[in-house]
C-alpha atoms as a PDB file:
ATOM      1  CA  MET A   1       8.440  -7.582  18.593  1.00  0.00           C
ATOM      2  CA  ASN A   2      10.909  -4.781  17.145  1.00  0.00           C
ATOM      3  CA  GLU A   3      10.001  -1.887  15.820  1.00  0.00           C
ATOM      4  CA  TYR A   4      10.085  -3.811  12.251  1.00  0.00           C
ATOM      5  CA  ARG A   5      10.540  -6.984  10.794  1.00  0.00           C
ATOM      6  CA  LEU A   6      11.227  -7.586   7.141  1.00  0.00           C
ATOM      7  CA  TYR A   7      11.349 -10.637   5.100  1.00  0.00           C
ATOM      8  CA  ASN A   8      12.849 -11.170   1.751  1.00  0.00           C
ATOM      9  CA  GLU A   9       9.931 -13.598   1.043  1.00  0.00           C
ATOM     10  CA  ASP A  10       7.102 -14.370  -1.505  1.00  0.00           C
ATOM     11  CA  CYS A  11       4.176 -13.327   0.770  1.00  0.00           C
ATOM     12  CA  LEU A  12       2.342 -16.193  -0.097  1.00  0.00           C
ATOM     13  CA  VAL A  13       4.820 -18.151   1.728  1.00  0.00           C
ATOM     14  CA  GLN A  14       5.401 -15.770   4.639  1.00  0.00           C
ATOM     15  CA  LEU A  15       2.190 -15.056   5.518  1.00  0.00           C
ATOM     16  CA  SER A  16       1.396 -18.708   6.059  1.00  0.00           C
ATOM     17  CA  LYS A  17       4.050 -18.627   8.474  1.00  0.00           C
ATOM     18  CA  LEU A  18       3.206 -15.503  10.496  1.00  0.00           C
ATOM     19  CA  LYS A  19       0.891 -15.667  13.788  1.00  0.00           C
ATOM     20  CA  LYS A  20      -2.903 -15.884  13.339  1.00  0.00           C
ATOM     21  CA  ASN A  21      -5.103 -12.612  14.350  1.00  0.00           C
ATOM     22  CA  SER A  22      -1.460 -10.497  14.896  1.00  0.00           C
ATOM     23  CA  ILE A  23      -1.898  -7.813  12.315  1.00  0.00           C
ATOM     24  CA  ASP A  24      -3.851  -4.682  13.216  1.00  0.00           C
ATOM     25  CA  MET A  25      -3.943  -3.502   9.499  1.00  0.00           C
ATOM     26  CA  ILE A  26      -3.140  -4.031   6.402  1.00  0.00           C
ATOM     27  CA  PHE A  27      -1.834  -2.020   3.234  1.00  0.00           C
ATOM     28  CA  ALA A  28      -1.350  -3.407   0.205  1.00  0.00           C
ATOM     29  CA  ASP A  29      -0.197  -2.203  -3.347  1.00  0.00           C
ATOM     30  CA  PRO A  30      -0.407  -5.630  -5.169  1.00  0.00           C
ATOM     31  CA  PRO A  31       1.374  -6.147  -9.215  1.00  0.00           C
ATOM     32  CA  TYR A  32      -0.428  -4.634 -11.483  1.00  0.00           C
ATOM     33  CA  PHE A  33       0.912  -7.093 -14.117  1.00  0.00           C
ATOM     34  CA  LEU A  34       1.401  -4.648 -16.844  1.00  0.00           C
ATOM     35  CA  SER A  35       4.874  -5.129 -17.776  1.00  0.00           C
ATOM     36  CA  SER A  36       4.284  -6.437 -21.596  1.00  0.00           C
ATOM     37  CA  GLY A  37       6.463  -3.951 -23.575  1.00  0.00           C
ATOM     38  CA  GLY A  38       4.659  -0.728 -23.583  1.00  0.00           C
ATOM     39  CA  ILE A  39       5.692   2.663 -23.149  1.00  0.00           C
ATOM     40  CA  THR A  40       5.039   5.622 -20.505  1.00  0.00           C
ATOM     41  CA  CYS A  41       6.219   9.296 -20.087  1.00  0.00           C
ATOM     42  CA  VAL A  42       8.290   9.899 -16.787  1.00  0.00           C
ATOM     43  CA  GLY A  43       9.941  13.428 -16.729  1.00  0.00           C
ATOM     44  CA  GLY A  44       9.012  14.013 -20.328  1.00  0.00           C
ATOM     45  CA  ARG A  45      11.190  11.283 -21.335  1.00  0.00           C
ATOM     46  CA  MET A  46       9.833   7.919 -23.179  1.00  0.00           C
ATOM     47  CA  VAL A  47      10.467   5.162 -20.947  1.00  0.00           C
ATOM     48  CA  SER A  48       9.444   1.127 -20.641  1.00  0.00           C
ATOM     49  CA  VAL A  49       6.403  -0.006 -18.420  1.00  0.00           C
ATOM     50  CA  ASP A  50       8.169  -2.988 -17.747  1.00  0.00           C
ATOM     51  CA  LYS A  51       9.187  -3.070 -14.115  1.00  0.00           C
ATOM     52  CA  ALA A  52      10.722  -6.838 -13.609  1.00  0.00           C
ATOM     53  CA  ASP A  53       9.249 -10.303 -13.246  1.00  0.00           C
ATOM     54  CA  TRP A  54       6.866 -10.039 -10.582  1.00  0.00           C
ATOM     55  CA  ASP A  55       4.712  -7.357 -12.911  1.00  0.00           C
ATOM     56  CA  LYS A  56       5.203  -9.556 -16.047  1.00  0.00           C
ATOM     57  CA  GLN A  57       1.604  -9.700 -17.892  1.00  0.00           C
ATOM     58  CA  ILE A  58      -0.841 -12.666 -16.865  1.00  0.00           C
ATOM     59  CA  SER A  59      -4.293 -13.926 -17.763  1.00  0.00           C
ATOM     60  CA  ASN A  60      -7.358 -12.735 -15.950  1.00  0.00           C
ATOM     61  CA  TYR A  61      -7.619 -15.813 -14.491  1.00  0.00           C
ATOM     62  CA  GLU A  62      -4.212 -16.294 -13.216  1.00  0.00           C
ATOM     63  CA  LYS A  63      -4.716 -12.596 -11.863  1.00  0.00           C
ATOM     64  CA  HIS A  64      -7.839 -13.112  -9.958  1.00  0.00           C
ATOM     65  CA  LYS A  65      -6.390 -16.279  -8.629  1.00  0.00           C
ATOM     66  CA  PHE A  66      -3.452 -14.796  -7.172  1.00  0.00           C
ATOM     67  CA  ASN A  67      -5.644 -12.063  -5.833  1.00  0.00           C
ATOM     68  CA  LYS A  68      -7.749 -14.536  -3.843  1.00  0.00           C
ATOM     69  CA  GLN A  69      -4.967 -16.666  -2.235  1.00  0.00           C
ATOM     70  CA  TRP A  70      -3.172 -13.353  -1.033  1.00  0.00           C
ATOM     71  CA  LEU A  71      -6.006 -11.862   0.575  1.00  0.00           C
ATOM     72  CA  ARG A  72      -6.773 -15.341   2.046  1.00  0.00           C
ATOM     73  CA  LYS A  73      -3.858 -15.244   3.862  1.00  0.00           C
ATOM     74  CA  CYS A  74      -3.842 -11.566   4.854  1.00  0.00           C
ATOM     75  CA  LYS A  75      -7.069 -12.328   6.548  1.00  0.00           C
ATOM     76  CA  ARG A  76      -5.628 -14.908   8.467  1.00  0.00           C
ATOM     77  CA  VAL A  77      -3.077 -13.281  10.084  1.00  0.00           C
ATOM     78  CA  LEU A  78      -5.387 -10.001  10.461  1.00  0.00           C
ATOM     79  CA  LYS A  79      -7.642  -9.350  13.803  1.00  0.00           C
ATOM     80  CA  ASP A  80     -11.211  -9.531  14.060  1.00  0.00           C
ATOM     81  CA  ASN A  81     -11.203  -5.875  13.937  1.00  0.00           C
ATOM     82  CA  GLY A  82      -8.522  -5.207  11.983  1.00  0.00           C
ATOM     83  CA  THR A  83      -8.730  -3.425   8.277  1.00  0.00           C
ATOM     84  CA  VAL A  84      -6.867  -3.638   4.766  1.00  0.00           C
ATOM     85  CA  PHE A  85      -6.352  -0.871   2.398  1.00  0.00           C
ATOM     86  CA  ILE A  86      -5.369  -2.023  -1.164  1.00  0.00           C
ATOM     87  CA  SER A  87      -4.245   0.545  -3.875  1.00  0.00           C
ATOM     88  CA  GLY A  88      -4.890  -0.224  -7.477  1.00  0.00           C
ATOM     89  CA  THR A  89      -6.028   1.021 -10.950  1.00  0.00           C
ATOM     90  CA  TYR A  90      -8.295  -0.313 -13.500  1.00  0.00           C
ATOM     91  CA  HIS A  91      -5.553  -2.880 -14.393  1.00  0.00           C
ATOM     92  CA  ASN A  92      -6.400  -4.630 -11.288  1.00  0.00           C
ATOM     93  CA  ILE A  93      -8.735  -2.993  -8.851  1.00  0.00           C
ATOM     94  CA  TYR A  94     -11.611  -4.724 -10.419  1.00  0.00           C
ATOM     95  CA  SER A  95     -10.484  -8.145  -9.182  1.00  0.00           C
ATOM     96  CA  ILE A  96      -9.258  -6.858  -6.014  1.00  0.00           C
ATOM     97  CA  GLY A  97     -12.951  -5.483  -5.315  1.00  0.00           C
ATOM     98  CA  ARG A  98     -14.317  -9.047  -6.539  1.00  0.00           C
ATOM     99  CA  ALA A  99     -11.947 -11.090  -4.368  1.00  0.00           C
ATOM    100  CA  LEU A 100     -12.260  -8.853  -1.434  1.00  0.00           C
ATOM    101  CA  GLU A 101     -16.228 -10.074  -1.277  1.00  0.00           C
ATOM    102  CA  GLU A 102     -15.123 -13.671  -2.559  1.00  0.00           C
ATOM    103  CA  THR A 103     -12.777 -14.105   0.429  1.00  0.00           C
ATOM    104  CA  GLY A 104     -15.687 -12.719   2.660  1.00  0.00           C
ATOM    105  CA  PHE A 105     -14.267  -9.390   3.399  1.00  0.00           C
ATOM    106  CA  THR A 106     -16.831  -6.021   3.491  1.00  0.00           C
ATOM    107  CA  ILE A 107     -15.836  -3.218   1.854  1.00  0.00           C
ATOM    108  CA  ILE A 108     -15.742   0.164   4.199  1.00  0.00           C
ATOM    109  CA  ASN A 109     -14.888   2.678   1.464  1.00  0.00           C
ATOM    110  CA  ASN A 110     -13.797   3.229  -2.267  1.00  0.00           C
ATOM    111  CA  ILE A 111     -11.298   5.667  -1.736  1.00  0.00           C
ATOM    112  CA  THR A 112      -9.774   8.082  -4.892  1.00  0.00           C
ATOM    113  CA  TRP A 113      -6.566   9.142  -4.677  1.00  0.00           C
ATOM    114  CA  ARG A 114      -6.376  12.234  -7.144  1.00  0.00           C
ATOM    115  CA  LYS A 115      -3.046  12.938  -8.418  1.00  0.00           C
ATOM    116  CA  THR A 116      -2.374  16.690  -8.523  1.00  0.00           C
ATOM    117  CA  ASN A 117       0.610  16.165 -10.918  1.00  0.00           C
ATOM    118  CA  PRO A 118      -0.035  13.283 -13.144  1.00  0.00           C
ATOM    119  CA  PRO A 119       2.167  12.521 -16.048  1.00  0.00           C
ATOM    120  CA  PRO A 120       1.222  13.157 -19.449  1.00  0.00           C
ATOM    121  CA  HIS A 121       0.035  10.376 -21.625  1.00  0.00           C
ATOM    122  CA  LEU A 122       1.893   9.717 -24.828  1.00  0.00           C
ATOM    123  CA  ALA A 123      -0.845   8.169 -27.242  1.00  0.00           C
ATOM    124  CA  CYS A 124      -3.063  11.051 -27.087  1.00  0.00           C
ATOM    125  CA  ARG A 125      -6.003   8.729 -27.531  1.00  0.00           C
ATOM    126  CA  TYR A 126      -7.858   8.910 -24.281  1.00  0.00           C
ATOM    127  CA  PHE A 127      -8.011  10.930 -20.883  1.00  0.00           C
ATOM    128  CA  THR A 128      -4.831  11.526 -18.571  1.00  0.00           C
ATOM    129  CA  HIS A 129      -4.886   8.774 -16.057  1.00  0.00           C
ATOM    130  CA  SER A 130      -4.529  10.996 -12.788  1.00  0.00           C
ATOM    131  CA  THR A 131      -6.485   8.692  -9.896  1.00  0.00           C
ATOM    132  CA  GLU A 132      -5.852   5.325  -8.257  1.00  0.00           C
ATOM    133  CA  THR A 133      -8.022   3.979  -6.305  1.00  0.00           C
ATOM    134  CA  ILE A 134      -7.433   2.426  -2.602  1.00  0.00           C
ATOM    135  CA  LEU A 135     -10.408   0.122  -1.419  1.00  0.00           C
ATOM    136  CA  TRP A 136     -10.849  -0.091   2.368  1.00  0.00           C
ATOM    137  CA  ALA A 137     -12.298  -3.212   4.134  1.00  0.00           C
ATOM    138  CA  LYS A 138     -13.165  -5.162   6.847  1.00  0.00           C
ATOM    139  CA  LYS A 139     -13.119  -9.208   7.997  1.00  0.00           C
ATOM    140  CA  SER A 140     -16.668  -9.363   7.962  1.00  0.00           C
ATOM    141  CA  LYS A 141     -19.946  -7.297   8.045  1.00  0.00           C
ATOM    142  CA  LYS A 142     -20.322  -7.222  11.737  1.00  0.00           C
ATOM    143  CA  ALA A 143     -16.434  -6.582  12.711  1.00  0.00           C
ATOM    144  CA  LYS A 144     -15.906  -3.277  14.647  1.00  0.00           C
ATOM    145  CA  HIS A 145     -13.115  -1.416  12.597  1.00  0.00           C
ATOM    146  CA  TYR A 146     -11.417   1.708  14.151  1.00  0.00           C
ATOM    147  CA  PHE A 147     -11.238   4.946  12.316  1.00  0.00           C
ATOM    148  CA  ASN A 148      -9.963   7.950  13.968  1.00  0.00           C
ATOM    149  CA  TYR A 149     -12.853  10.128  13.122  1.00  0.00           C
ATOM    150  CA  ASP A 150     -12.060  12.998  15.011  1.00  0.00           C
ATOM    151  CA  LEU A 151      -8.529  13.220  13.625  1.00  0.00           C
ATOM    152  CA  MET A 152      -9.379  13.039  10.168  1.00  0.00           C
ATOM    153  CA  LYS A 153     -12.283  15.837  10.928  1.00  0.00           C
ATOM    154  CA  LYS A 154      -9.451  18.046  12.522  1.00  0.00           C
ATOM    155  CA  LEU A 155      -7.180  17.521   9.471  1.00  0.00           C
ATOM    156  CA  ASN A 156      -9.916  18.522   6.995  1.00  0.00           C
ATOM    157  CA  GLY A 157     -10.676  21.854   8.766  1.00  0.00           C
ATOM    158  CA  GLY A 158     -13.031  20.663  11.213  1.00  0.00           C
ATOM    159  CA  LYS A 159     -15.314  19.157   8.358  1.00  0.00           C
ATOM    160  CA  GLN A 160     -15.734  15.342   7.679  1.00  0.00           C
ATOM    161  CA  MET A 161     -13.273  13.769   5.400  1.00  0.00           C
ATOM    162  CA  LYS A 162     -14.429  12.857   2.234  1.00  0.00           C
ATOM    163  CA  ASP A 163     -13.401   9.734   0.079  1.00  0.00           C
ATOM    164  CA  VAL A 164     -11.194  12.010  -2.590  1.00  0.00           C
ATOM    165  CA  TRP A 165      -7.942  12.647  -1.218  1.00  0.00           C
ATOM    166  CA  ASP A 166      -5.401  15.274  -3.589  1.00  0.00           C
ATOM    167  CA  PHE A 167      -1.661  14.300  -2.977  1.00  0.00           C
ATOM    168  CA  PRO A 168       0.661  14.931  -5.920  1.00  0.00           C
ATOM    169  CA  CYS A 169       3.043  11.773  -7.081  1.00  0.00           C
ATOM    170  CA  ILE A 170       6.158  10.553  -5.368  1.00  0.00           C
ATOM    171  CA  ASN A 171       8.999  13.095  -5.274  1.00  0.00           C
ATOM    172  CA  ARG A 172      12.544  12.686  -5.816  1.00  0.00           C
ATOM    173  CA  LYS A 173      13.431  13.219  -2.599  1.00  0.00           C
ATOM    174  CA  GLU A 174      11.488  10.071  -1.302  1.00  0.00           C
ATOM    175  CA  LYS A 175      13.561   8.051  -3.378  1.00  0.00           C
ATOM    176  CA  SER A 176      17.032   9.245  -2.131  1.00  0.00           C
ATOM    177  CA  PHE A 177      17.624   5.780  -0.419  1.00  0.00           C
ATOM    178  CA  GLY A 178      16.775   4.144  -3.876  1.00  0.00           C
ATOM    179  CA  ASN A 179      14.446   4.087  -6.532  1.00  0.00           C
ATOM    180  CA  HIS A 180      11.022   1.553  -6.625  1.00  0.00           C
ATOM    181  CA  PRO A 181       8.735   1.975  -9.905  1.00  0.00           C
ATOM    182  CA  THR A 182       5.624   1.901  -8.005  1.00  0.00           C
ATOM    183  CA  GLN A 183       6.782   3.775  -5.088  1.00  0.00           C
ATOM    184  CA  LYS A 184       3.516   5.506  -3.098  1.00  0.00           C
ATOM    185  CA  PRO A 185       3.917   8.956  -1.577  1.00  0.00           C
ATOM    186  CA  LEU A 186       4.601   9.294   2.308  1.00  0.00           C
ATOM    187  CA  LYS A 187       2.083  11.655   2.702  1.00  0.00           C
ATOM    188  CA  LEU A 188      -0.383   9.173   1.180  1.00  0.00           C
ATOM    189  CA  LEU A 189       0.403   6.308   3.535  1.00  0.00           C
ATOM    190  CA  GLU A 190       0.589   8.823   6.944  1.00  0.00           C
ATOM    191  CA  ARG A 191      -3.277   9.394   6.159  1.00  0.00           C
ATOM    192  CA  ILE A 192      -3.758   5.810   5.842  1.00  0.00           C
ATOM    193  CA  VAL A 193      -2.142   4.770   9.062  1.00  0.00           C
ATOM    194  CA  ILE A 194      -2.844   7.420  11.500  1.00  0.00           C
ATOM    195  CA  ALA A 195      -6.984   6.852  10.206  1.00  0.00           C
ATOM    196  CA  ALA A 196      -6.964   3.398  11.015  1.00  0.00           C
ATOM    197  CA  THR A 197      -4.760   2.585  13.675  1.00  0.00           C
ATOM    198  CA  LYS A 198      -3.560   3.124  17.311  1.00  0.00           C
ATOM    199  CA  GLU A 199       0.002   3.767  18.576  1.00  0.00           C
ATOM    200  CA  GLY A 200       1.658   0.437  19.365  1.00  0.00           C
ATOM    201  CA  ASP A 201      -0.517  -1.104  16.696  1.00  0.00           C
ATOM    202  CA  THR A 202       1.132  -3.477  13.857  1.00  0.00           C
ATOM    203  CA  ILE A 203       1.052  -3.116  10.363  1.00  0.00           C
ATOM    204  CA  LEU A 204       1.741  -5.319   7.364  1.00  0.00           C
ATOM    205  CA  ASP A 205       2.479  -4.889   3.821  1.00  0.00           C
ATOM    206  CA  PRO A 206       2.959  -7.951   2.016  1.00  0.00           C
ATOM    207  CA  PHE A 207       4.160  -6.315  -1.102  1.00  0.00           C
ATOM    208  CA  SER A 208       6.050  -3.813   0.852  1.00  0.00           C
ATOM    209  CA  GLY A 209       8.422  -2.462  -1.777  1.00  0.00           C
ATOM    210  CA  SER A 210      10.856   0.214  -0.793  1.00  0.00           C
ATOM    211  CA  GLY A 211       9.050   0.485   2.676  1.00  0.00           C
ATOM    212  CA  THR A 212       6.986   3.556   2.716  1.00  0.00           C
ATOM    213  CA  THR A 213       4.372   1.999   4.721  1.00  0.00           C
ATOM    214  CA  GLY A 214       7.017   1.160   7.107  1.00  0.00           C
ATOM    215  CA  VAL A 215       8.460   4.779   7.277  1.00  0.00           C
ATOM    216  CA  ALA A 216       5.000   5.744   7.875  1.00  0.00           C
ATOM    217  CA  ALA A 217       4.126   3.445  10.517  1.00  0.00           C
ATOM    218  CA  ILE A 218       7.436   3.850  12.466  1.00  0.00           C
ATOM    219  CA  LYS A 219       6.937   8.021  12.324  1.00  0.00           C
ATOM    220  CA  HIS A 220       3.934   7.340  13.946  1.00  0.00           C
ATOM    221  CA  LYS A 221       4.686   4.841  16.835  1.00  0.00           C
ATOM    222  CA  ARG A 222       3.304   1.901  15.187  1.00  0.00           C
ATOM    223  CA  LYS A 223       5.380  -1.510  14.672  1.00  0.00           C
ATOM    224  CA  TYR A 224       5.804  -2.956  10.845  1.00  0.00           C
ATOM    225  CA  VAL A 225       6.202  -6.009   8.952  1.00  0.00           C
ATOM    226  CA  GLY A 226       7.125  -5.861   5.740  1.00  0.00           C
ATOM    227  CA  ILE A 227       7.057  -8.824   2.977  1.00  0.00           C
ATOM    228  CA  ASP A 228       9.025  -8.285  -0.429  1.00  0.00           C
ATOM    229  CA  THR A 229      10.529 -11.062  -3.144  1.00  0.00           C
ATOM    230  CA  GLU A 230      13.140  -8.530  -4.157  1.00  0.00           C
ATOM    231  CA  LYS A 231      16.350  -8.217  -1.979  1.00  0.00           C
ATOM    232  CA  GLU A 232      16.998  -4.891  -3.472  1.00  0.00           C
ATOM    233  CA  TYR A 233      14.208  -3.595  -2.286  1.00  0.00           C
ATOM    234  CA  ILE A 234      14.291  -5.110   1.051  1.00  0.00           C
ATOM    235  CA  GLU A 235      17.696  -3.573   1.302  1.00  0.00           C
ATOM    236  CA  ILE A 236      16.150  -0.207   0.388  1.00  0.00           C
ATOM    237  CA  SER A 237      13.580  -0.291   3.296  1.00  0.00           C
ATOM    238  CA  LYS A 238      16.292  -1.159   5.665  1.00  0.00           C
ATOM    239  CA  LEU A 239      17.928   2.518   4.932  1.00  0.00           C
ATOM    240  CA  ARG A 240      14.512   4.039   4.900  1.00  0.00           C
ATOM    241  CA  LEU A 241      13.325   2.534   7.971  1.00  0.00           C
ATOM    242  CA  GLU A 242      16.637   3.017  10.381  1.00  0.00           C
ATOM    243  CA  ASP A 243      16.850   6.441   9.050  1.00  0.00           C
ATOM    244  CA  VAL A 244      13.400   7.558  10.047  1.00  0.00           C
ATOM    245  CA  LEU A 245      14.336   5.632  13.480  1.00  0.00           C
ATOM    246  CA  LEU A 246      17.821   7.625  13.766  1.00  0.00           C
ATOM    247  CA  LYS A 247      15.293  10.927  13.497  1.00  0.00           C
ATOM    248  CA  LYS A 248      13.099   9.879  16.257  1.00  0.00           C
ATOM    249  CA  ILE A 249      16.099   9.243  18.459  1.00  0.00           C
ATOM    250  CA  SER A 250      17.138  12.774  17.761  1.00  0.00           C
ATOM    251  CA  GLU A 251      14.174  14.340  18.046  1.00  0.00           C
ATOM    252  CA  THR A 252      13.786  12.919  21.343  1.00  0.00           C
ATOM    253  CA  PRO A 253      14.357  15.334  24.106  1.00  0.00           C
END
């Protein structure tokens, strides 16, 4: 395959079309289903939390049903020694954890991304939300997954890397090709990519958004498959992925 493939499609449809056992690692940041007319604080301003139709609030039953559906399809395309990373907050991560177990996955780690610069909340009636959870899982208890332990230890000053990672929230430079409301910082995805895959591996993101997973994959000599229902985000992804490919060419001796 080429270095990347992008599909403007519902992931439940496109995942069924991908080859079985063809993916080495999956990163997924599924919808939180939060769009219900609320407000939050961004850059010191009050803004709506409503993102788009794909994030419209649904019942807990519908949310859990959806999570099991896409996880089953991801499991089909994942190689037997492959793994999946799933990012979320308390709005959906408990359903994700349960859905992983109910679809036969085995959770390896519960990683906490601690945001070093979280936005303040406006209600002043609870603690500031400053973390997200990333669940790392393999296809079964007996599966032998890949983990680049030595590199992670090296990056952590010669000590075992822990499951609490400190990264700032997304900066404006990473949105220079367009805006996505739930875009993750590149450094976070880079760590995931180099921790759980090898050069030449194929990485899938079924909710690819603006393509940050793909940027991390291509930057580190992996291949990428991205799926998203929104054409706007597919176009942003293309711009970002072509930009990183051009940079790689210019850096070649």
